[in-house]
Amino acid sequence: MVNFLTAEDAKVLSAHANLDINLYKARLASLIEENAKQGNTAVFTVLPKHLPLEEIRNLSAELTQLGYQVRFEVSEFFYSFNVYWI
């Protein structure tokens, strides 16, 4: 049986997680590698809105310099980040 946290409990945990861009960079790097090994050509990830936009722009620029195409979208509650290679 699966038990879910209440939304309020999830908000409390998230507020105290101390997540930064470096954690997301490491996870995104792992996703890119996993997808490439499976023959997939895109990686999608969601970034929390509390990350500074400048750090996300720097990440996008870094990936672009490595030859990736990046599509970044702003939603009301989160950022979405799509990474493609051709």
N, C-alpha and C. Protein backbone atom coordinates (compact mmCIF):
# COMPACT_ATOMS: atom_id res chain seq x y z
N MET A 1 0.84 -1.17 0.00
CA MET A 1 0.00 0.00 0.00
C MET A 1 0.89 1.24 0.00
N VAL A 2 0.52 2.23 -0.77
CA VAL A 2 1.27 3.47 -0.88
C VAL A 2 0.59 4.55 -0.06
N ASN A 3 1.38 5.25 0.73
CA ASN A 3 0.85 6.37 1.51
C ASN A 3 1.43 7.67 0.99
N PHE A 4 0.59 8.64 0.76
CA PHE A 4 1.03 9.95 0.30
C PHE A 4 1.08 10.93 1.47
N LEU A 5 2.03 11.87 1.37
CA LEU A 5 2.07 12.98 2.31
C LEU A 5 0.92 13.92 2.00
N THR A 6 0.49 14.64 3.00
CA THR A 6 -0.47 15.70 2.71
C THR A 6 0.27 16.84 2.01
N ALA A 7 -0.45 17.67 1.29
CA ALA A 7 0.17 18.79 0.58
C ALA A 7 0.88 19.72 1.56
N GLU A 8 0.29 19.93 2.72
CA GLU A 8 0.92 20.80 3.72
C GLU A 8 2.23 20.22 4.21
N ASP A 9 2.27 18.90 4.45
CA ASP A 9 3.51 18.25 4.87
C ASP A 9 4.58 18.36 3.78
N ALA A 10 4.18 18.21 2.53
CA ALA A 10 5.12 18.31 1.42
C ALA A 10 5.69 19.73 1.33
N LYS A 11 4.86 20.73 1.56
CA LYS A 11 5.32 22.12 1.53
C LYS A 11 6.35 22.38 2.62
N VAL A 12 6.10 21.84 3.80
CA VAL A 12 7.03 22.01 4.92
C VAL A 12 8.37 21.35 4.60
N LEU A 13 8.34 20.12 4.10
CA LEU A 13 9.58 19.42 3.74
C LEU A 13 10.34 20.17 2.66
N SER A 14 9.63 20.65 1.66
CA SER A 14 10.26 21.36 0.55
C SER A 14 10.90 22.66 1.02
N ALA A 15 10.25 23.35 1.93
CA ALA A 15 10.77 24.62 2.43
C ALA A 15 12.08 24.44 3.18
N HIS A 16 12.31 23.27 3.75
CA HIS A 16 13.51 23.01 4.54
C HIS A 16 14.54 22.16 3.81
N ALA A 17 14.37 21.94 2.52
CA ALA A 17 15.25 21.04 1.76
C ALA A 17 16.58 21.68 1.39
N ASN A 18 16.66 23.01 1.37
CA ASN A 18 17.89 23.73 1.02
C ASN A 18 18.46 23.27 -0.32
N LEU A 19 17.62 23.24 -1.33
CA LEU A 19 18.05 22.82 -2.66
C LEU A 19 18.68 24.00 -3.40
N ASP A 20 19.74 23.71 -4.14
CA ASP A 20 20.37 24.76 -4.94
C ASP A 20 20.63 24.25 -6.35
N ILE A 21 21.10 25.11 -7.21
CA ILE A 21 21.28 24.78 -8.62
C ILE A 21 22.27 23.64 -8.82
N ASN A 22 23.26 23.50 -7.96
CA ASN A 22 24.25 22.43 -8.11
C ASN A 22 23.62 21.05 -7.98
N LEU A 23 22.66 20.92 -7.10
CA LEU A 23 21.96 19.65 -6.97
C LEU A 23 21.20 19.33 -8.25
N TYR A 24 20.56 20.33 -8.83
CA TYR A 24 19.81 20.12 -10.06
C TYR A 24 20.72 19.88 -11.25
N LYS A 25 21.89 20.53 -11.26
CA LYS A 25 22.84 20.27 -12.35
C LYS A 25 23.30 18.82 -12.33
N ALA A 26 23.58 18.31 -11.15
CA ALA A 26 24.03 16.91 -11.03
C ALA A 26 22.93 15.96 -11.48
N ARG A 27 21.70 16.24 -11.09
CA ARG A 27 20.59 15.37 -11.48
C ARG A 27 20.33 15.46 -12.98
N LEU A 28 20.42 16.65 -13.55
CA LEU A 28 20.22 16.81 -14.98
C LEU A 28 21.31 16.11 -15.77
N ALA A 29 22.55 16.20 -15.30
CA ALA A 29 23.65 15.49 -15.96
C ALA A 29 23.38 13.99 -15.96
N SER A 30 22.89 13.47 -14.86
CA SER A 30 22.56 12.05 -14.77
C SER A 30 21.42 11.69 -15.72
N LEU A 31 20.39 12.54 -15.78
CA LEU A 31 19.27 12.29 -16.69
C LEU A 31 19.72 12.28 -18.15
N ILE A 32 20.59 13.21 -18.52
CA ILE A 32 21.09 13.26 -19.89
C ILE A 32 21.82 11.96 -20.23
N GLU A 33 22.69 11.52 -19.33
CA GLU A 33 23.44 10.29 -19.58
C GLU A 33 22.52 9.07 -19.65
N GLU A 34 21.57 8.96 -18.72
CA GLU A 34 20.64 7.83 -18.72
C GLU A 34 19.82 7.80 -20.01
N ASN A 35 19.33 8.97 -20.43
CA ASN A 35 18.53 9.03 -21.66
C ASN A 35 19.36 8.69 -22.88
N ALA A 36 20.59 9.15 -22.93
CA ALA A 36 21.46 8.86 -24.08
C ALA A 36 21.72 7.35 -24.17
N LYS A 37 21.93 6.71 -23.06
CA LYS A 37 22.17 5.26 -23.05
C LYS A 37 20.96 4.48 -23.53
N GLN A 38 19.76 5.06 -23.36
CA GLN A 38 18.53 4.41 -23.79
C GLN A 38 18.13 4.82 -25.20
N GLY A 39 18.95 5.66 -25.83
CA GLY A 39 18.65 6.10 -27.19
C GLY A 39 17.66 7.24 -27.28
N ASN A 40 17.32 7.83 -26.17
CA ASN A 40 16.38 8.95 -26.17
C ASN A 40 17.11 10.24 -26.51
N THR A 41 16.39 11.19 -27.07
CA THR A 41 17.02 12.41 -27.54
C THR A 41 16.64 13.66 -26.75
N ALA A 42 15.90 13.52 -25.69
CA ALA A 42 15.53 14.70 -24.92
C ALA A 42 15.45 14.35 -23.44
N VAL A 43 15.68 15.34 -22.63
CA VAL A 43 15.56 15.20 -21.18
C VAL A 43 14.65 16.32 -20.72
N PHE A 44 13.71 16.01 -19.86
CA PHE A 44 12.81 17.00 -19.31
C PHE A 44 12.99 17.02 -17.81
N THR A 45 13.08 18.18 -17.24
CA THR A 45 13.17 18.28 -15.80
C THR A 45 12.39 19.49 -15.33
N VAL A 46 12.00 19.47 -14.10
CA VAL A 46 11.26 20.58 -13.50
C VAL A 46 12.12 21.18 -12.41
N LEU A 47 12.24 22.49 -12.45
CA LEU A 47 13.03 23.20 -11.45
C LEU A 47 12.09 24.04 -10.60
N PRO A 48 12.32 24.08 -9.30
CA PRO A 48 11.44 24.89 -8.45
C PRO A 48 11.62 26.38 -8.74
N LYS A 49 10.59 27.12 -8.56
CA LYS A 49 10.58 28.55 -8.89
C LYS A 49 11.49 29.36 -7.97
N HIS A 50 11.92 28.79 -6.83
CA HIS A 50 12.76 29.57 -5.93
C HIS A 50 14.22 29.67 -6.39
N LEU A 51 14.62 28.90 -7.39
CA LEU A 51 15.98 29.01 -7.91
C LEU A 51 16.13 30.33 -8.64
N PRO A 52 17.26 31.02 -8.45
CA PRO A 52 17.46 32.29 -9.15
C PRO A 52 17.49 32.09 -10.67
N LEU A 53 16.78 32.93 -11.37
CA LEU A 53 16.69 32.84 -12.82
C LEU A 53 18.06 32.97 -13.48
N GLU A 54 18.93 33.76 -12.91
CA GLU A 54 20.28 33.94 -13.45
C GLU A 54 21.07 32.62 -13.43
N GLU A 55 20.90 31.82 -12.39
CA GLU A 55 21.58 30.53 -12.32
C GLU A 55 21.05 29.58 -13.39
N ILE A 56 19.75 29.64 -13.66
CA ILE A 56 19.17 28.79 -14.69
C ILE A 56 19.65 29.23 -16.07
N ARG A 57 19.76 30.53 -16.27
CA ARG A 57 20.29 31.04 -17.54
C ARG A 57 21.74 30.59 -17.74
N ASN A 58 22.52 30.61 -16.67
CA ASN A 58 23.91 30.14 -16.76
C ASN A 58 23.97 28.66 -17.11
N LEU A 59 23.09 27.86 -16.53
CA LEU A 59 23.02 26.44 -16.84
C LEU A 59 22.65 26.24 -18.31
N SER A 60 21.68 27.00 -18.77
CA SER A 60 21.27 26.92 -20.17
C SER A 60 22.43 27.27 -21.10
N ALA A 61 23.16 28.33 -20.78
CA ALA A 61 24.31 28.75 -21.59
C ALA A 61 25.39 27.67 -21.60
N GLU A 62 25.64 27.06 -20.45
CA GLU A 62 26.64 26.00 -20.35
C GLU A 62 26.27 24.82 -21.25
N LEU A 63 25.01 24.41 -21.21
CA LEU A 63 24.56 23.30 -22.04
C LEU A 63 24.60 23.66 -23.53
N THR A 64 24.26 24.89 -23.86
CA THR A 64 24.31 25.34 -25.25
C THR A 64 25.74 25.30 -25.77
N GLN A 65 26.70 25.71 -24.95
CA GLN A 65 28.11 25.66 -25.35
C GLN A 65 28.57 24.23 -25.59
N LEU A 66 27.94 23.28 -24.92
CA LEU A 66 28.29 21.86 -25.10
C LEU A 66 27.59 21.25 -26.30
N GLY A 67 26.77 22.04 -27.02
CA GLY A 67 26.13 21.57 -28.22
C GLY A 67 24.68 21.14 -28.07
N TYR A 68 24.11 21.31 -26.90
CA TYR A 68 22.72 20.94 -26.67
C TYR A 68 21.80 22.08 -27.07
N GLN A 69 20.57 21.73 -27.42
CA GLN A 69 19.52 22.71 -27.61
C GLN A 69 18.67 22.68 -26.34
N VAL A 70 18.41 23.84 -25.80
CA VAL A 70 17.68 23.94 -24.54
C VAL A 70 16.41 24.73 -24.75
N ARG A 71 15.33 24.19 -24.25
CA ARG A 71 14.06 24.91 -24.27
C ARG A 71 13.64 25.10 -22.81
N PHE A 72 13.50 26.35 -22.44
CA PHE A 72 13.19 26.71 -21.07
C PHE A 72 11.83 27.39 -21.04
N GLU A 73 10.97 26.96 -20.15
CA GLU A 73 9.64 27.55 -20.04
C GLU A 73 9.35 27.90 -18.58
N VAL A 74 8.65 28.99 -18.41
CA VAL A 74 8.26 29.45 -17.08
C VAL A 74 6.78 29.17 -16.89
N SER A 75 6.47 28.43 -15.85
CA SER A 75 5.09 28.17 -15.49
C SER A 75 4.78 28.99 -14.24
N GLU A 76 3.55 28.95 -13.81
CA GLU A 76 3.18 29.73 -12.64
C GLU A 76 3.92 29.27 -11.38
N PHE A 77 4.15 27.96 -11.27
CA PHE A 77 4.72 27.42 -10.05
C PHE A 77 6.09 26.79 -10.20
N PHE A 78 6.56 26.59 -11.44
CA PHE A 78 7.84 25.93 -11.65
C PHE A 78 8.41 26.33 -13.00
N TYR A 79 9.69 25.99 -13.20
CA TYR A 79 10.35 26.14 -14.49
C TYR A 79 10.45 24.75 -15.12
N SER A 80 10.27 24.65 -16.41
CA SER A 80 10.54 23.38 -17.08
C SER A 80 11.74 23.58 -18.00
N PHE A 81 12.50 22.54 -18.13
CA PHE A 81 13.79 22.58 -18.81
C PHE A 81 13.87 21.37 -19.70
N ASN A 82 13.90 21.56 -21.00
CA ASN A 82 14.02 20.46 -21.95
C ASN A 82 15.39 20.56 -22.62
N VAL A 83 16.11 19.46 -22.68
CA VAL A 83 17.44 19.41 -23.29
C VAL A 83 17.38 18.42 -24.45
N TYR A 84 17.79 18.89 -25.63
CA TYR A 84 17.75 18.05 -26.83
C TYR A 84 19.14 17.95 -27.43
N TRP A 85 19.41 16.85 -28.08
CA TRP A 85 20.60 16.74 -28.91
C TRP A 85 20.18 16.09 -30.21
N ILE A 86 20.83 16.51 -31.28
CA ILE A 86 20.47 15.99 -32.61
C ILE A 86 21.63 15.22 -33.17
